[in-house]
Each structure stands twice: as structure tokens, then as C-alpha cells.
Amino acid sequence: MDLVGKKASISMNVKGKKLNITDMIILTILLVISILCLLPVIHIFALSFSSSSAASAGIVTVFPIDFTFAPYTQIIDDPYFFNSFFVSVKRVLLGGIVNFVLTVMMAFALSNEKSEFRSRNLYMWIIVFAFMFNGGLIPTYMVVQSTGLIDTLWALVLPTAVPIFNVIILMNFFRGLPRALKDAAIVDGSGPWRMLIQIYIPLALPAIATVTLFSIVMHWNSFFDGLIYMNKTENMPLQTYIQQLVIRPDEITSANKDEIMQKASSRTFNAAKIVVTMLPILVIYPFLQKYFVKGITLGSVKE
């Protein structure tokens, strides 16, 4: 049997498309990687629905043992958790709006031709330099401290107000839009603001949805900035609270800790909090995921 015949004999037919041996190897590797990524999440879900004795014995793997909702019912009794949850919600809303406004405005300006924006290359070099070589942790902290932002929500929002990676994605998307659209808008008497709001933003919705999801996930999952900028527990975002809960449980848990631990162990209680933390992103992601391919593809719109 020749080589072509051997390949044909081991090919598979998936939805009308034949897969050769290379495709099957790639799919197998991706499947293994996917399972390895999902296993920790599944384990946390199983742990959160297991009894304290099973969790303490370390026998919970991917299925709950002695199924119970006790850890979730006890979350209601932890005031610090909901306080941190609302801090994170406010951070996502405020940070998302700031990121959206500044990213769109900067990307629109930098998408112009050099003849229209003579200092464009200078600004591009500045943002690329800032993207590659930031000031570092201590100088950034000193700036935040000197501006009086410590223990305020703005300390979590302003240092990441302009995500350069998102600006580059959106700028390239704007540059891919047909030049004729801009020329027609200019002929009709449109200024830069009207052109941006009525033409560019509606056409760039896939890219805007993509970078918005990036901003939401970044603000929701960040914990380190809350750790260094927030001194009071009530000002910590949720991820910082969860991190402190795992690292230093004795200093961070609520006053009714003993009562809580009678019904749920610290492991099941923490696992339930992690599950609750993941839920908002799991709910938002499916609605924005469909824009990923079109939104992140640079220069996808052609004349």
C-alpha cells in the first residue's frame, strides 16, 4: 500500500471533512491540554459541593463526596466576601468605562495617516516604549501614593487606564476600514467626533467587544494591585480577598469564623468562594466569545 493509501486508511470523516493523521495528532494534543486545563476547575467545583469530612480526608477528586450546599449557604454569612464582591463590581464598571473611552479615542487618533496627524509616529514610539519598559513596581507605587489614591477605587483603575495592547488591536482594526468611508464622511461635513461615533465605532463593534472583554477579565481577575494599594480589608477587591483568604486565613476571615467552620471546612468554604468568583466571567464570556475571531484579526476588513 502506497503512502497515499495508508493516509486514506487512517483518516476520519468529521462533519464531512476528512482528517489526516496530522490533524488527529493535533486534535489529540489539544484535547489533552483542554482536559488538563479543566481538571483544576472541575476539582474546585467538586470540592465546593463536598462535605467537610470528605474535603479534610482529601478524597475528593472530580466528583463531589457527600453532596451538600453548606459552603454556599455559609457564604451569605460572610459580610467581607460581599463587600469585596461589590468593590470588584464597581472596579469592573468604572475601569471598563475608562478603558473603553481612552482606548477608542487613542486608537482612532493613531489610525490616521501621518499627513493628517503629523506627531503620530512620536506618540506610537512613546506608547510602545511604555508598553515594553514600564516604570516598575516601586516608582508606580510612589506615584499612586503621592497622588493620594491609596485605599481608593481609583488606585485600581487609573494605573491601567490605557491598555496599550488593546489600543494596538483597535488601531489596526480602524486602519483596516475602507478609506472611502472616511472620505465620504469628510465630504458630508462630518468632524472627527461624529466620524468616530457614527461610523467607526459601529463598524468596529467586534473589535470593541473583544477588547472590552479583555478589560473586564483583567479588572475582575487582578489581585496584586489590590494587595499593594489597599490597606483596609473593606477596600480589597474580591480576588485580593480570596488570595488573602488562602494565604492568611486567620487574619482575613470574618468574626463568625468558628460558627461557619462547624458546618463547612475551610477548604470547601474557600472552594465555594472561588466558584462564586468565577461565575460572572463564565456568564459574560459566551456572549462575547463569538466576536473573538473577527475582532482580534488585524486588518480583517478589506475594501
Protein backbone atom coordinates (compact mmCIF):
# COMPACT_ATOMS: atom_id res chain seq x y z
CA MET A 1 0.00 0.00 0.00
CA ASP A 2 1.45 3.37 -1.00
CA LEU A 3 1.73 6.35 1.32
CA VAL A 4 -1.44 7.99 0.00
CA GLY A 5 -3.33 4.79 0.56
CA LYS A 6 -2.05 4.49 4.13
CA LYS A 7 -3.10 8.05 4.93
CA ALA A 8 -6.51 7.44 3.47
CA SER A 9 -6.93 4.31 5.55
CA ILE A 10 -6.35 6.12 8.87
CA SER A 11 -8.27 9.27 8.02
CA MET A 12 -11.51 10.15 9.78
CA ASN A 13 -14.60 11.89 8.49
CA VAL A 14 -15.73 14.65 10.83
CA LYS A 15 -18.74 16.71 9.66
CA GLY A 16 -17.95 15.93 6.05
CA LYS A 17 -14.24 16.87 6.37
CA LYS A 18 -11.58 14.21 6.28
CA LEU A 19 -8.90 14.38 8.96
CA ASN A 20 -5.47 13.00 8.23
CA ILE A 21 -3.02 11.67 10.79
CA THR A 22 -1.55 15.16 11.43
CA ASP A 23 -4.97 16.60 12.17
CA MET A 24 -5.77 13.78 14.57
CA ILE A 25 -2.46 14.23 16.42
CA ILE A 26 -3.12 17.97 16.78
CA LEU A 27 -6.69 17.35 17.95
CA THR A 28 -5.48 14.77 20.46
CA ILE A 29 -2.88 17.18 21.88
CA LEU A 30 -5.46 19.98 22.11
CA LEU A 31 -7.92 17.61 23.79
CA VAL A 32 -5.32 16.60 26.39
CA ILE A 33 -4.40 20.24 27.06
CA SER A 34 -8.09 21.14 27.40
CA ILE A 35 -8.67 18.34 29.90
CA LEU A 36 -5.61 19.40 31.90
CA CYS A 37 -6.94 22.99 32.00
CA LEU A 38 -10.43 21.87 33.05
CA LEU A 39 -9.40 19.40 35.75
CA PRO A 40 -8.50 22.04 38.40
CA VAL A 41 -11.79 23.85 37.75
CA ILE A 42 -13.79 20.62 37.99
CA HIS A 43 -11.94 19.72 41.19
CA ILE A 44 -12.83 23.10 42.75
CA PHE A 45 -16.49 22.60 41.78
CA ALA A 46 -16.47 19.10 43.30
CA LEU A 47 -14.74 20.33 46.45
CA SER A 48 -17.24 23.13 46.94
CA PHE A 49 -20.15 20.65 46.91
CA SER A 50 -18.49 18.07 49.17
CA SER A 51 -18.78 17.60 52.90
CA SER A 52 -16.13 18.97 55.23
CA SER A 53 -15.08 15.48 56.31
CA ALA A 54 -14.51 14.36 52.71
CA ALA A 55 -12.54 17.50 51.94
CA SER A 56 -10.43 17.11 55.07
CA ALA A 57 -9.72 13.48 54.20
CA GLY A 58 -8.51 14.54 50.77
CA ILE A 59 -10.67 12.00 48.89
CA VAL A 60 -12.46 14.50 46.63
CA THR A 61 -11.24 14.37 43.03
CA VAL A 62 -13.62 15.28 40.17
CA PHE A 63 -16.93 14.26 41.76
CA PRO A 64 -18.48 15.65 44.98
CA ILE A 65 -18.42 13.35 48.03
CA ASP A 66 -21.44 13.62 50.38
CA PHE A 67 -23.09 16.30 48.26
CA THR A 68 -24.02 19.44 50.22
CA PHE A 69 -24.80 23.14 49.69
CA ALA A 70 -23.48 24.08 53.15
CA PRO A 71 -20.43 26.07 51.91
CA TYR A 72 -22.64 28.21 49.65
CA THR A 73 -25.22 28.87 52.33
CA GLN A 74 -22.42 29.98 54.65
CA ILE A 75 -21.11 32.50 52.12
CA ILE A 76 -24.20 34.57 52.86
CA ASP A 77 -22.97 34.90 56.44
CA ASP A 78 -19.59 36.34 55.40
CA PRO A 79 -20.00 40.13 55.09
CA TYR A 80 -16.42 40.67 53.92
CA PHE A 81 -17.00 38.48 50.87
CA PHE A 82 -19.95 40.51 49.57
CA ASN A 83 -18.21 43.77 50.41
CA SER A 84 -15.21 42.68 48.30
CA PHE A 85 -17.58 41.43 45.60
CA PHE A 86 -19.19 44.87 45.26
CA VAL A 87 -15.74 46.53 45.25
CA SER A 88 -14.83 44.32 42.27
CA VAL A 89 -18.14 45.09 40.52
CA LYS A 90 -17.54 48.82 40.91
CA ARG A 91 -13.97 48.38 39.71
CA VAL A 92 -15.08 46.49 36.58
CA LEU A 93 -17.75 49.09 35.73
CA LEU A 94 -15.53 52.13 36.33
CA GLY A 95 -12.40 50.56 34.86
CA GLY A 96 -14.29 49.22 31.85
CA ILE A 97 -15.73 52.64 31.03
CA VAL A 98 -12.36 54.39 31.46
CA ASN A 99 -10.60 51.75 29.34
CA PHE A 100 -13.26 51.93 26.62
CA VAL A 101 -13.22 55.72 26.29
CA LEU A 102 -9.45 56.14 26.33
CA THR A 103 -8.75 53.11 24.14
CA VAL A 104 -11.22 54.12 21.43
CA MET A 105 -10.07 57.74 21.37
CA MET A 106 -6.37 56.88 21.24
CA ALA A 107 -6.83 54.14 18.64
CA PHE A 108 -8.90 56.45 16.43
CA ALA A 109 -6.30 59.22 16.58
CA LEU A 110 -3.39 56.87 15.88
CA SER A 111 -5.21 55.23 12.97
CA ASN A 112 -5.00 58.45 10.94
CA GLU A 113 -2.43 58.88 8.20
CA LYS A 114 0.78 60.71 9.04
CA SER A 115 -0.29 63.57 6.77
CA GLU A 116 -3.38 64.03 8.96
CA PHE A 117 -1.62 63.54 12.32
CA ARG A 118 1.99 64.67 11.99
CA SER A 119 3.04 63.58 15.51
CA ARG A 120 1.56 60.11 15.09
CA ASN A 121 4.90 58.27 14.93
CA LEU A 122 6.18 60.09 18.02
CA TYR A 123 3.13 59.03 20.03
CA MET A 124 3.46 55.49 18.69
CA TRP A 125 7.06 55.27 19.88
CA ILE A 126 6.07 56.62 23.29
CA ILE A 127 3.27 54.11 23.86
CA VAL A 128 5.34 51.20 22.52
CA PHE A 129 8.22 52.19 24.82
CA ALA A 130 5.83 52.45 27.78
CA PHE A 131 4.36 49.07 26.82
CA MET A 132 7.76 47.36 26.80
CA PHE A 133 9.51 49.26 29.61
CA ASN A 134 7.16 50.32 32.39
CA GLY A 135 8.27 52.25 35.46
CA GLY A 136 8.38 49.23 37.74
CA LEU A 137 6.57 48.40 40.95
CA ILE A 138 8.17 50.89 43.38
CA PRO A 139 8.00 54.00 41.14
CA THR A 140 4.39 53.16 40.25
CA TYR A 141 3.50 52.75 43.93
CA MET A 142 5.20 56.07 44.78
CA VAL A 143 3.17 57.83 42.07
CA VAL A 144 -0.09 56.34 43.34
CA GLN A 145 0.83 57.21 46.93
CA SER A 146 1.89 60.79 46.14
CA THR A 147 -1.37 61.42 44.29
CA GLY A 148 -3.39 60.32 47.33
CA LEU A 149 -5.03 57.35 45.65
CA ILE A 150 -4.09 54.73 48.27
CA ASP A 151 -7.19 52.95 49.63
CA THR A 152 -9.39 54.40 46.87
CA LEU A 153 -11.03 52.72 43.89
CA TRP A 154 -9.10 54.98 41.51
CA ALA A 155 -5.84 53.30 42.57
CA LEU A 156 -7.13 50.13 40.90
CA VAL A 157 -8.36 51.91 37.76
CA LEU A 158 -6.03 54.75 36.78
CA PRO A 159 -2.68 52.85 36.59
CA THR A 160 -4.25 50.59 33.92
CA ALA A 161 -6.42 53.24 32.29
CA VAL A 162 -4.83 52.82 28.85
CA PRO A 163 -4.16 49.16 27.98
CA ILE A 164 -1.65 49.50 25.14
CA PHE A 165 -2.30 46.02 23.75
CA ASN A 166 -5.99 46.86 23.32
CA VAL A 167 -5.09 50.17 21.67
CA ILE A 168 -2.92 48.40 19.10
CA ILE A 169 -5.67 45.86 18.30
CA LEU A 170 -8.32 48.56 17.85
CA MET A 171 -5.96 50.88 15.96
CA ASN A 172 -5.22 48.18 13.40
CA PHE A 173 -8.93 47.44 13.07
CA PHE A 174 -9.63 51.13 12.37
CA ARG A 175 -6.82 51.21 9.82
CA GLY A 176 -8.40 48.27 8.01
CA LEU A 177 -11.65 50.14 7.42
CA PRO A 178 -12.11 51.41 3.84
CA ARG A 179 -10.63 54.84 3.28
CA ALA A 180 -13.64 55.71 1.12
CA LEU A 181 -15.84 55.75 4.22
CA LYS A 182 -13.73 58.47 5.81
CA ASP A 183 -13.53 60.49 2.59
CA ALA A 184 -17.31 60.32 2.16
CA ALA A 185 -17.83 61.42 5.78
CA ILE A 186 -15.48 64.39 5.27
CA VAL A 187 -17.32 65.38 2.09
CA ASP A 188 -20.60 65.27 4.03
CA GLY A 189 -19.13 67.67 6.58
CA SER A 190 -18.51 65.20 9.43
CA GLY A 191 -16.00 66.21 12.07
CA PRO A 192 -13.72 63.78 13.96
CA TRP A 193 -16.20 63.19 16.81
CA ARG A 194 -19.17 62.47 14.53
CA MET A 195 -16.98 60.28 12.34
CA LEU A 196 -15.82 58.29 15.36
CA ILE A 197 -19.24 57.88 17.00
CA GLN A 198 -21.44 57.32 13.94
CA ILE A 199 -19.07 55.46 11.59
CA TYR A 200 -16.01 53.94 13.23
CA ILE A 201 -17.49 52.65 16.49
CA PRO A 202 -20.49 50.87 14.89
CA LEU A 203 -18.21 49.21 12.32
CA ALA A 204 -15.66 48.19 14.95
CA LEU A 205 -18.11 46.55 17.37
CA PRO A 206 -16.45 43.09 17.12
CA ALA A 207 -13.04 44.55 17.99
CA ILE A 208 -14.53 46.76 20.71
CA ALA A 209 -16.37 43.77 22.21
CA THR A 210 -13.10 41.82 22.22
CA VAL A 211 -11.01 44.50 23.94
CA THR A 212 -13.87 45.20 26.36
CA LEU A 213 -13.85 41.55 27.39
CA PHE A 214 -10.08 41.77 27.87
CA SER A 215 -10.58 44.78 30.16
CA ILE A 216 -13.37 43.11 32.15
CA VAL A 217 -11.35 39.95 32.71
CA MET A 218 -8.24 41.96 33.63
CA HIS A 219 -10.07 44.07 36.21
CA TRP A 220 -12.02 41.13 37.62
CA ASN A 221 -9.04 38.79 37.98
CA SER A 222 -6.40 41.28 39.19
CA PHE A 223 -5.40 40.82 42.80
CA PHE A 224 -1.85 42.15 43.13
CA ASP A 225 -2.72 45.85 42.79
CA GLY A 226 -5.36 45.44 45.50
CA LEU A 227 -2.69 43.84 47.66
CA ILE A 228 -0.27 46.78 47.43
CA TYR A 229 -2.69 49.72 47.12
CA MET A 230 -5.33 48.71 49.68
CA ASN A 231 -4.52 48.74 53.38
CA LYS A 232 -8.03 48.12 54.69
CA THR A 233 -9.83 44.81 54.25
CA GLU A 234 -13.11 46.52 53.35
CA ASN A 235 -11.42 48.18 50.33
CA MET A 236 -9.98 44.99 48.87
CA PRO A 237 -11.36 43.68 45.56
CA LEU A 238 -12.68 40.15 45.56
CA GLN A 239 -9.60 38.46 44.08
CA THR A 240 -7.33 40.08 46.67
CA TYR A 241 -9.71 38.98 49.42
CA ILE A 242 -9.68 35.40 48.08
CA GLN A 243 -5.87 35.46 47.83
CA GLN A 244 -5.56 36.66 51.42
CA LEU A 245 -8.13 34.07 52.46
CA VAL A 246 -5.92 31.31 51.10
CA ILE A 247 -2.57 32.73 52.23
CA ARG A 248 -3.53 34.21 55.62
CA PRO A 249 -6.94 32.82 56.64
CA ASP A 250 -6.54 33.72 60.32
CA GLU A 251 -6.19 37.42 59.57
CA ILE A 252 -8.84 37.82 56.95
CA THR A 253 -11.82 35.62 57.82
CA SER A 254 -14.88 37.11 59.37
CA ALA A 255 -15.81 37.27 63.02
CA ASN A 256 -18.20 34.34 62.80
CA LYS A 257 -15.46 32.03 61.54
CA ASP A 258 -15.98 29.38 64.24
CA GLU A 259 -19.67 29.11 63.51
CA ILE A 260 -19.01 28.81 59.81
CA MET A 261 -16.37 26.16 60.22
CA GLN A 262 -18.77 23.98 62.22
CA LYS A 263 -20.79 23.49 59.06
CA ALA A 264 -18.13 23.70 56.37
CA SER A 265 -14.38 23.23 56.41
CA SER A 266 -12.05 25.98 55.26
CA ARG A 267 -11.29 24.03 52.08
CA THR A 268 -14.92 23.64 50.99
CA PHE A 269 -15.72 27.18 52.08
CA ASN A 270 -12.84 28.64 50.06
CA ALA A 271 -13.69 26.45 47.06
CA ALA A 272 -17.26 27.75 47.12
CA LYS A 273 -15.99 31.33 47.16
CA ILE A 274 -13.71 30.63 44.18
CA VAL A 275 -16.67 29.18 42.26
CA VAL A 276 -18.77 32.25 43.02
CA THR A 277 -15.84 34.41 41.88
CA MET A 278 -15.67 32.62 38.52
CA LEU A 279 -19.40 32.82 37.78
CA PRO A 280 -19.57 36.41 36.40
CA ILE A 281 -16.83 35.72 33.84
CA LEU A 282 -18.40 32.37 32.91
CA VAL A 283 -21.71 34.15 32.30
CA ILE A 284 -20.26 37.04 30.26
CA TYR A 285 -17.75 35.05 28.19
CA PRO A 286 -20.19 33.08 25.95
CA PHE A 287 -21.89 36.30 24.81
CA LEU A 288 -18.63 38.00 23.75
CA GLN A 289 -16.66 34.94 22.64
CA LYS A 290 -18.29 34.96 19.18
CA TYR A 291 -16.55 38.27 18.41
CA PHE A 292 -13.06 36.95 19.18
CA VAL A 293 -12.04 35.67 15.72
CA LYS A 294 -13.33 38.70 13.82
CA GLY A 295 -12.39 41.22 16.49
CA ILE A 296 -8.81 40.18 17.08
CA THR A 297 -7.93 39.60 13.41
CA LEU A 298 -5.83 42.54 12.37
CA GLY A 299 -6.91 44.29 9.19
CA SER A 300 -9.76 41.91 8.57
CA VAL A 301 -11.96 44.46 6.80
CA LYS A 302 -11.00 44.99 3.19
CA GLU A 303 -12.24 47.35 0.54
